[in-house]
Amino acid sequence: MDSCLTEAAELLGYRNLKDEQISCLTEFLSGRDVFVILPTGFGKTACFTLLPFAFDKYQKRDSGNKAIIIVVSPLTALIINQVEALLSRNVSAGYINSESTSDVKKNVTLGKYCIVFMGPEQLVDEWRSLLSSDVYMSRLVGLIIDEAHCVVKWGKTFREAFTRLTEVRSTMPSHIGIMALTATATRTLRLQVEQILGMRSPLAIIRSPDKPNLRFSNIELGGVNNYGVPNIFHHILIELREKLTDLQRVMIFCKVKTDCPKLYTFFKACLGRYFTHPPGASTDLVECRLVDMFFKGTRTHVKQRIIENFTKDSCLRIIICTDAFGMGVNCPDVRLVIHYGVPSDVETYVQQIGRSGRDGKESYAVLLHSKKEDGEL
């Protein structure tokens, strides 16, 4: 089995797998459900992207019977980002959403992709019959639930399809395993997810989310300016004015989504022609903005451009967002994560501060809170 993992890793360009990744892959290959709780930036993606290739080698599958996994992921922008990353490694990956073309749907049905991404809504409704097709009955080797904390956090509030994933388990052959992955989950949350997904005696692979390179602080908010924005953001504005594209990257998570456009307007108005790079470029050009916002009201194609700009070398320095941004997105050089308001739960907080300092360099997490939020700290 070790040689199968080594060959699969080399095929995708992974030089050295970590102990937790090896344990996850080995146990899943042997037929066991696995719950993975590893810090952001640790390499959870490798735990499932290697699976089809490892199964092909371990089960000696021929070219007409290659292994397939289905990955359930919460956000379209995240799915597109992951698929593009896999395609760059020459992995045959595809995704299903409301805008998928007939060609993509046909390719999914025929088993042209070894990794198929979709949201929970697609799997529990329109595409559930896929699991009972001849192609998937013979070639499906795993159901992967990425960002598994959403099963409870979102499934019990505004995305019921997450809680209906248990229906999918009952339609799959009994030998097909489930792997759930997240960066943070309390024991209570993990047990809830396991129950909803119908996981059978899963192995839990857990590593503390503690990151020694992070420095923490919390600041009580004072007055606001004419834009309705707390005065403390003037410090960031001044630093951005001075350094422009040399500013280390910053993420601002807003607890209240209406604060996103409010902060965006503040930076845009105060920076003037320096809101873009080169100075004076049109603010309609996403690739020229030093500041951008990502929340439910942002158009899908703009979201994707923002992710591209923030994960690659670009002029984008500050992203103002809700928890819709960040999950699973590889932003290695973020130096400061600011929470504008106390997050609703500890899992969300740990998940989001994990975006800071993924490359191991000294970074910061700052929590801004009002006096009335003192009891939530």
Protein backbone atom coordinates (compact mmCIF):
# COMPACT_ATOMS: atom_id res chain seq x y z
CA MET A 1 0.00 0.00 0.00
CA ASP A 2 2.87 2.37 0.79
CA SER A 3 4.20 2.08 -2.74
CA CYS A 4 0.74 2.92 -4.14
CA LEU A 5 0.66 6.14 -2.12
CA THR A 6 4.21 7.04 -3.13
CA GLU A 7 3.47 6.55 -6.83
CA ALA A 8 0.21 8.50 -6.61
CA ALA A 9 1.94 11.36 -4.76
CA GLU A 10 4.76 11.53 -7.31
CA LEU A 11 2.24 11.55 -10.14
CA LEU A 12 0.62 14.71 -8.74
CA GLY A 13 3.87 16.37 -7.73
CA TYR A 14 3.70 15.84 -3.95
CA ARG A 15 7.25 15.18 -2.76
CA ASN A 16 6.74 14.16 0.86
CA LEU A 17 3.43 13.25 2.45
CA LYS A 18 2.96 14.05 6.12
CA ASP A 19 2.13 11.34 8.67
CA GLU A 20 -1.47 12.52 9.01
CA GLN A 21 -1.98 12.48 5.23
CA ILE A 22 -0.54 8.96 5.00
CA SER A 23 -2.76 7.71 7.83
CA CYS A 24 -5.82 9.25 6.20
CA LEU A 25 -5.12 7.73 2.79
CA THR A 26 -4.10 4.33 4.16
CA GLU A 27 -7.19 3.92 6.33
CA PHE A 28 -9.51 5.08 3.56
CA LEU A 29 -7.91 2.69 1.06
CA SER A 30 -8.50 -0.13 3.53
CA GLY A 31 -12.23 0.67 3.61
CA ARG A 32 -12.64 2.83 6.69
CA ASP A 33 -14.50 6.14 6.97
CA VAL A 34 -12.18 8.99 7.98
CA PHE A 35 -12.79 12.36 9.65
CA VAL A 36 -9.91 14.77 9.03
CA ILE A 37 -9.41 17.84 11.22
CA LEU A 38 -6.17 19.55 10.19
CA PRO A 39 -5.11 23.23 10.31
CA THR A 40 -5.49 25.53 7.32
CA GLY A 41 -2.50 25.25 5.04
CA PHE A 42 -1.64 21.75 6.29
CA GLY A 43 -2.55 19.99 3.05
CA LYS A 44 -6.03 18.52 3.52
CA THR A 45 -6.66 18.66 -0.23
CA ALA A 46 -3.98 16.02 -0.84
CA CYS A 47 -5.94 13.64 1.41
CA PHE A 48 -8.61 13.27 -1.25
CA THR A 49 -7.05 14.35 -4.57
CA LEU A 50 -4.62 11.43 -4.37
CA LEU A 51 -7.40 8.89 -3.77
CA PRO A 52 -8.40 8.02 -7.37
CA PHE A 53 -4.76 7.40 -8.34
CA ALA A 54 -4.00 5.44 -5.17
CA PHE A 55 -7.11 3.26 -5.69
CA ASP A 56 -6.14 2.66 -9.33
CA LYS A 57 -2.78 1.31 -8.24
CA TYR A 58 -3.94 -0.50 -5.10
CA GLN A 59 -6.83 -2.26 -6.84
CA LYS A 60 -4.92 -2.64 -10.14
CA ARG A 61 -7.68 -0.97 -12.13
CA ASP A 62 -7.36 -0.90 -15.90
CA SER A 63 -7.80 2.16 -18.13
CA GLY A 64 -11.51 1.47 -18.69
CA ASN A 65 -12.31 1.21 -15.00
CA LYS A 66 -10.48 4.13 -13.40
CA ALA A 67 -11.52 5.16 -9.88
CA ILE A 68 -13.80 8.18 -9.33
CA ILE A 69 -14.50 10.25 -6.23
CA ILE A 70 -17.29 12.77 -5.70
CA VAL A 71 -16.41 15.86 -3.66
CA VAL A 72 -19.20 17.88 -2.01
CA SER A 73 -18.06 21.46 -1.45
CA PRO A 74 -20.06 24.44 -0.12
CA LEU A 75 -19.03 27.29 -2.44
CA THR A 76 -18.97 27.53 -6.23
CA ALA A 77 -15.98 29.90 -6.20
CA LEU A 78 -14.04 27.43 -4.04
CA ILE A 79 -14.96 24.54 -6.36
CA ILE A 80 -13.79 26.45 -9.46
CA ASN A 81 -10.52 27.33 -7.70
CA GLN A 82 -9.90 23.69 -6.76
CA VAL A 83 -10.75 22.35 -10.21
CA GLU A 84 -8.42 24.84 -11.90
CA ALA A 85 -5.62 23.84 -9.51
CA LEU A 86 -6.18 20.17 -10.33
CA LEU A 87 -6.30 20.80 -14.07
CA SER A 88 -2.92 22.54 -13.77
CA ARG A 89 -1.61 19.22 -12.40
CA ASN A 90 -3.14 17.38 -15.38
CA VAL A 91 -5.84 15.80 -13.21
CA SER A 92 -9.14 15.13 -14.98
CA ALA A 93 -11.46 17.09 -12.71
CA GLY A 94 -14.82 18.71 -13.38
CA TYR A 95 -17.71 20.29 -11.53
CA ILE A 96 -21.47 20.47 -11.66
CA ASN A 97 -23.47 23.59 -10.88
CA SER A 98 -26.52 25.41 -12.21
CA GLU A 99 -24.50 26.82 -15.11
CA SER A 100 -22.82 23.59 -16.26
CA THR A 101 -22.91 23.00 -20.00
CA SER A 102 -24.42 19.91 -21.59
CA ASP A 103 -20.91 18.73 -22.51
CA VAL A 104 -19.75 18.88 -18.89
CA LYS A 105 -22.87 17.04 -17.71
CA LYS A 106 -22.28 14.37 -20.36
CA ASN A 107 -18.65 13.99 -19.28
CA VAL A 108 -19.70 13.57 -15.64
CA THR A 109 -22.30 10.95 -16.58
CA LEU A 110 -19.81 9.01 -18.71
CA GLY A 111 -17.16 9.08 -15.98
CA LYS A 112 -14.68 11.25 -17.89
CA TYR A 113 -13.52 12.96 -14.67
CA CYS A 114 -11.76 11.10 -11.86
CA ILE A 115 -12.73 13.88 -9.43
CA VAL A 116 -16.24 15.37 -9.65
CA PHE A 117 -17.13 18.41 -7.54
CA MET A 118 -20.64 19.60 -6.75
CA GLY A 119 -22.68 21.30 -4.06
CA PRO A 120 -24.91 19.30 -1.71
CA GLU A 121 -28.03 20.51 -3.52
CA GLN A 122 -26.90 18.90 -6.77
CA LEU A 123 -26.01 15.58 -5.14
CA VAL A 124 -29.13 15.07 -3.04
CA ASP A 125 -31.55 16.05 -5.82
CA GLU A 126 -30.74 16.26 -9.54
CA TRP A 127 -27.62 14.06 -9.53
CA ARG A 128 -28.48 11.46 -6.91
CA SER A 129 -29.31 8.91 -9.61
CA LEU A 130 -25.68 9.16 -10.75
CA LEU A 131 -24.71 6.94 -7.83
CA SER A 132 -26.84 4.07 -9.11
CA SER A 133 -25.59 4.27 -12.71
CA ASP A 134 -23.44 1.44 -14.06
CA VAL A 135 -20.42 3.75 -14.39
CA TYR A 136 -20.48 4.93 -10.78
CA MET A 137 -21.55 1.61 -9.29
CA SER A 138 -18.32 0.11 -10.62
CA ARG A 139 -15.94 3.06 -10.41
CA LEU A 140 -16.96 5.25 -7.44
CA VAL A 141 -14.52 4.71 -4.57
CA GLY A 142 -15.35 7.55 -2.19
CA LEU A 143 -17.65 10.40 -1.20
CA ILE A 144 -15.71 13.38 0.12
CA ILE A 145 -17.29 16.16 2.20
CA ASP A 146 -14.99 19.18 2.12
CA GLU A 147 -15.39 21.97 4.71
CA ALA A 148 -17.45 19.46 6.71
CA HIS A 149 -18.30 21.92 9.50
CA CYS A 150 -20.82 23.40 7.04
CA VAL A 151 -22.90 20.22 7.35
CA VAL A 152 -24.02 21.47 10.77
CA LYS A 153 -23.31 25.21 10.60
CA TRP A 154 -25.16 25.75 7.32
CA GLY A 155 -27.26 22.61 7.09
CA LYS A 156 -29.32 23.50 10.13
CA THR A 157 -29.90 27.10 9.05
CA PHE A 158 -30.11 27.98 5.36
CA ARG A 159 -28.83 24.98 3.33
CA GLU A 160 -30.96 21.98 4.24
CA ALA A 161 -29.28 19.85 1.55
CA PHE A 162 -26.27 19.40 3.82
CA THR A 163 -28.39 17.59 6.40
CA ARG A 164 -29.92 15.44 3.65
CA LEU A 165 -26.55 13.95 2.72
CA THR A 166 -27.44 11.03 4.99
CA GLU A 167 -29.94 10.02 2.28
CA VAL A 168 -27.06 9.68 -0.16
CA ARG A 169 -25.18 7.26 2.09
CA SER A 170 -28.13 4.89 1.99
CA THR A 171 -28.07 4.77 -1.83
CA MET A 172 -24.34 4.00 -2.13
CA PRO A 173 -22.86 0.48 -2.08
CA SER A 174 -21.82 -0.39 1.48
CA HIS A 175 -18.12 -0.60 0.61
CA ILE A 176 -17.92 3.06 -0.50
CA GLY A 177 -16.31 5.16 2.20
CA ILE A 178 -16.94 8.72 3.34
CA MET A 179 -14.20 11.19 4.15
CA ALA A 180 -15.05 14.45 5.94
CA LEU A 181 -12.50 17.27 6.13
CA THR A 182 -12.36 20.58 7.98
CA ALA A 183 -9.82 22.84 9.64
CA THR A 184 -11.64 22.99 12.94
CA ALA A 185 -14.39 21.16 14.78
CA THR A 186 -15.14 20.61 18.43
CA ARG A 187 -15.88 17.05 19.54
CA THR A 188 -19.59 17.89 19.71
CA LEU A 189 -19.61 19.28 16.17
CA ARG A 190 -17.63 16.31 14.85
CA LEU A 191 -20.08 13.81 16.33
CA GLN A 192 -23.01 15.74 14.86
CA VAL A 193 -21.42 15.69 11.41
CA GLU A 194 -20.65 11.97 11.69
CA GLN A 195 -24.28 11.24 12.57
CA ILE A 196 -25.74 13.38 9.78
CA LEU A 197 -23.43 11.84 7.17
CA GLY A 198 -24.04 8.31 8.41
CA MET A 199 -20.33 7.69 8.93
CA ARG A 200 -19.51 4.24 10.31
CA SER A 201 -16.95 4.16 13.16
CA PRO A 202 -14.72 6.72 11.43
CA LEU A 203 -11.09 7.19 12.29
CA ALA A 204 -10.59 10.77 13.49
CA ILE A 205 -7.28 12.30 12.41
CA ILE A 206 -6.88 15.48 14.45
CA ARG A 207 -4.14 18.04 14.80
CA SER A 208 -4.33 21.16 16.94
CA PRO A 209 -5.08 24.36 14.99
CA ASP A 210 -2.49 26.19 17.10
CA LYS A 211 -0.09 28.20 14.93
CA PRO A 212 2.95 29.48 16.85
CA ASN A 213 3.67 32.10 14.18
CA LEU A 214 0.39 33.95 14.92
CA ARG A 215 0.18 36.95 17.25
CA PHE A 216 -3.24 37.82 18.71
CA SER A 217 -4.86 41.01 19.96
CA ASN A 218 -8.36 42.33 20.57
CA ILE A 219 -9.35 45.99 20.45
CA GLU A 220 -12.52 47.65 21.65
CA LEU A 221 -13.97 49.93 18.98
CA GLY A 222 -14.39 53.65 19.59
CA GLY A 223 -15.96 56.31 17.38
CA VAL A 224 -16.84 56.17 13.69
CA ASN A 225 -16.09 58.50 10.78
CA ASN A 226 -18.44 60.10 8.25
CA TYR A 227 -18.67 56.81 6.35
CA GLY A 228 -19.95 54.98 9.43
CA VAL A 229 -16.62 53.14 9.62
CA PRO A 230 -14.70 52.77 12.94
CA ASN A 231 -11.81 55.21 13.20
CA ILE A 232 -9.29 52.40 13.69
CA PHE A 233 -9.46 51.59 9.98
CA HIS A 234 -7.75 54.93 9.29
CA HIS A 235 -4.47 53.29 10.38
CA ILE A 236 -4.80 50.70 7.62
CA LEU A 237 -5.79 53.38 5.12
CA ILE A 238 -2.68 55.44 5.93
CA GLU A 239 -0.39 52.42 5.62
CA LEU A 240 -1.98 51.45 2.30
CA ARG A 241 -1.53 55.01 1.00
CA GLU A 242 2.16 54.87 1.89
CA LYS A 243 2.99 51.37 0.67
CA LEU A 244 0.37 50.75 -2.05
CA THR A 245 1.25 47.42 -3.73
CA ASP A 246 4.05 46.83 -1.19
CA LEU A 247 1.53 46.46 1.65
CA GLN A 248 1.42 42.95 3.09
CA ARG A 249 -1.90 41.29 2.34
CA VAL A 250 -4.83 41.85 4.71
CA MET A 251 -8.18 40.07 5.13
CA ILE A 252 -11.05 41.85 6.91
CA PHE A 253 -13.90 39.55 7.94
CA CYS A 254 -17.15 41.41 8.58
CA LYS A 255 -19.67 39.87 10.93
CA VAL A 256 -22.43 42.03 9.41
CA LYS A 257 -22.49 41.70 5.61
CA THR A 258 -23.64 45.33 5.09
CA ASP A 259 -20.31 46.43 6.59
CA CYS A 260 -18.55 45.05 3.49
CA PRO A 261 -19.80 47.71 1.04
CA LYS A 262 -19.49 50.34 3.76
CA LEU A 263 -15.77 49.61 4.26
CA TYR A 264 -15.22 49.26 0.52
CA THR A 265 -16.77 52.69 -0.10
CA PHE A 266 -14.57 54.19 2.64
CA PHE A 267 -11.33 52.89 1.09
CA LYS A 268 -12.41 53.78 -2.44
CA ALA A 269 -13.36 57.34 -1.56
CA CYS A 270 -10.32 58.05 0.61
CA LEU A 271 -7.75 56.51 -1.74
CA GLY A 272 -9.06 58.31 -4.80
CA ARG A 273 -6.90 57.60 -7.85
CA TYR A 274 -4.64 55.39 -5.68
CA PHE A 275 -7.48 52.90 -5.23
CA THR A 276 -6.14 51.20 -8.37
CA HIS A 277 -2.75 50.31 -9.76
CA PRO A 278 -1.43 51.92 -11.81
CA PRO A 279 -2.91 55.03 -10.14
CA GLY A 280 -5.91 56.37 -12.01
CA ALA A 281 -6.79 53.09 -13.74
CA SER A 282 -10.50 52.38 -14.03
CA THR A 283 -12.07 50.98 -10.86
CA ASP A 284 -14.14 48.72 -13.13
CA LEU A 285 -11.00 46.69 -13.80
CA VAL A 286 -10.97 44.02 -11.08
CA GLU A 287 -7.31 43.22 -11.70
CA CYS A 288 -6.29 46.84 -10.92
CA ARG A 289 -7.96 47.29 -7.53
CA LEU A 290 -5.88 47.42 -4.35
CA VAL A 291 -9.01 46.75 -2.28
CA ASP A 292 -11.94 44.50 -3.12
CA MET A 293 -14.95 42.94 -1.42
CA PHE A 294 -16.32 39.42 -1.50
CA PHE A 295 -19.76 38.65 -0.08
CA LYS A 296 -23.11 37.23 -1.11
CA GLY A 297 -23.89 40.27 -3.27
CA THR A 298 -20.72 39.93 -5.37
CA ARG A 299 -21.33 38.48 -8.84
CA THR A 300 -20.00 34.94 -9.40
CA HIS A 301 -17.56 35.81 -12.19
CA VAL A 302 -16.21 38.73 -10.11
CA LYS A 303 -15.76 36.40 -7.12
CA GLN A 304 -13.63 34.11 -9.22
CA ARG A 305 -11.46 36.99 -10.45
CA ILE A 306 -10.98 38.16 -6.84
CA ILE A 307 -9.87 34.68 -5.74
CA GLU A 308 -7.41 34.56 -8.63
CA ASN A 309 -6.04 37.99 -7.74
CA PHE A 310 -5.68 37.21 -4.04
CA THR A 311 -4.04 33.81 -4.47
CA LYS A 312 -1.52 34.92 -7.09
CA ASP A 313 0.92 37.77 -7.60
CA SER A 314 -1.32 40.81 -8.16
CA CYS A 315 -1.90 44.34 -6.89
CA LEU A 316 -4.81 43.29 -4.61
CA ARG A 317 -3.75 44.03 -1.03
CA ILE A 318 -6.94 44.06 1.06
CA ILE A 319 -9.99 41.81 0.79
CA ILE A 320 -13.13 42.81 2.69
CA CYS A 321 -15.35 39.78 3.09
CA THR A 322 -17.81 37.62 4.99
CA ASP A 323 -17.21 33.94 5.74
CA ALA A 324 -18.14 33.29 2.08
CA PHE A 325 -14.45 33.91 1.31
CA GLY A 326 -11.53 31.97 2.64
CA MET A 327 -12.66 28.36 3.00
CA GLY A 328 -10.22 26.16 1.16
CA VAL A 329 -8.68 29.05 -0.77
CA ASN A 330 -4.88 28.97 -0.77
CA CYS A 331 -3.66 32.45 0.21
CA PRO A 332 -0.16 31.74 1.57
CA ASP A 333 1.06 35.31 2.14
CA VAL A 334 -1.69 36.92 4.24
CA ARG A 335 -0.04 38.77 7.14
CA LEU A 336 -3.06 40.21 8.93
CA VAL A 337 -6.58 38.92 9.54
CA ILE A 338 -9.00 41.39 11.10
CA HIS A 339 -12.37 40.42 12.51
CA TYR A 340 -14.78 43.34 12.44
CA GLY A 341 -17.17 41.99 15.05
CA VAL A 342 -17.00 38.82 17.16
CA PRO A 343 -17.64 35.68 15.05
CA SER A 344 -20.72 33.62 15.87
CA ASP A 345 -18.75 30.60 17.09
CA VAL A 346 -15.22 29.45 17.87
CA GLU A 347 -15.03 27.17 14.80
CA THR A 348 -15.61 30.13 12.48
CA TYR A 349 -13.00 32.20 14.31
CA VAL A 350 -10.32 29.48 14.21
CA GLN A 351 -11.12 28.74 10.56
CA GLN A 352 -10.67 32.38 9.57
CA ILE A 353 -7.58 33.30 11.58
CA GLY A 354 -5.98 30.27 9.96
CA ARG A 355 -5.80 32.28 6.74
CA SER A 356 -3.06 34.40 8.32
CA GLY A 357 0.51 33.16 8.03
CA ARG A 358 -0.10 29.96 6.12
CA ASP A 359 3.51 30.14 4.94
CA GLY A 360 4.80 29.96 8.52
CA LYS A 361 6.00 33.57 8.72
CA GLU A 362 5.05 35.83 11.63
CA SER A 363 1.50 37.12 11.13
CA TYR A 364 -1.31 38.71 13.09
CA ALA A 365 -4.95 38.23 14.04
CA VAL A 366 -6.85 41.23 15.39
CA LEU A 367 -10.37 41.09 16.80
CA LEU A 368 -12.30 44.38 16.75
CA HIS A 369 -15.34 44.40 19.01
CA SER A 370 -17.85 46.82 20.45
CA LYS A 371 -18.37 47.20 24.19
CA LYS A 372 -21.70 45.34 23.97
CA GLU A 373 -19.85 42.33 22.52
CA ASP A 374 -17.59 41.98 25.58
CA GLY A 375 -19.69 39.08 26.83
CA GLU A 376 -19.06 37.17 23.59
CA LEU A 377 -15.27 37.17 23.95
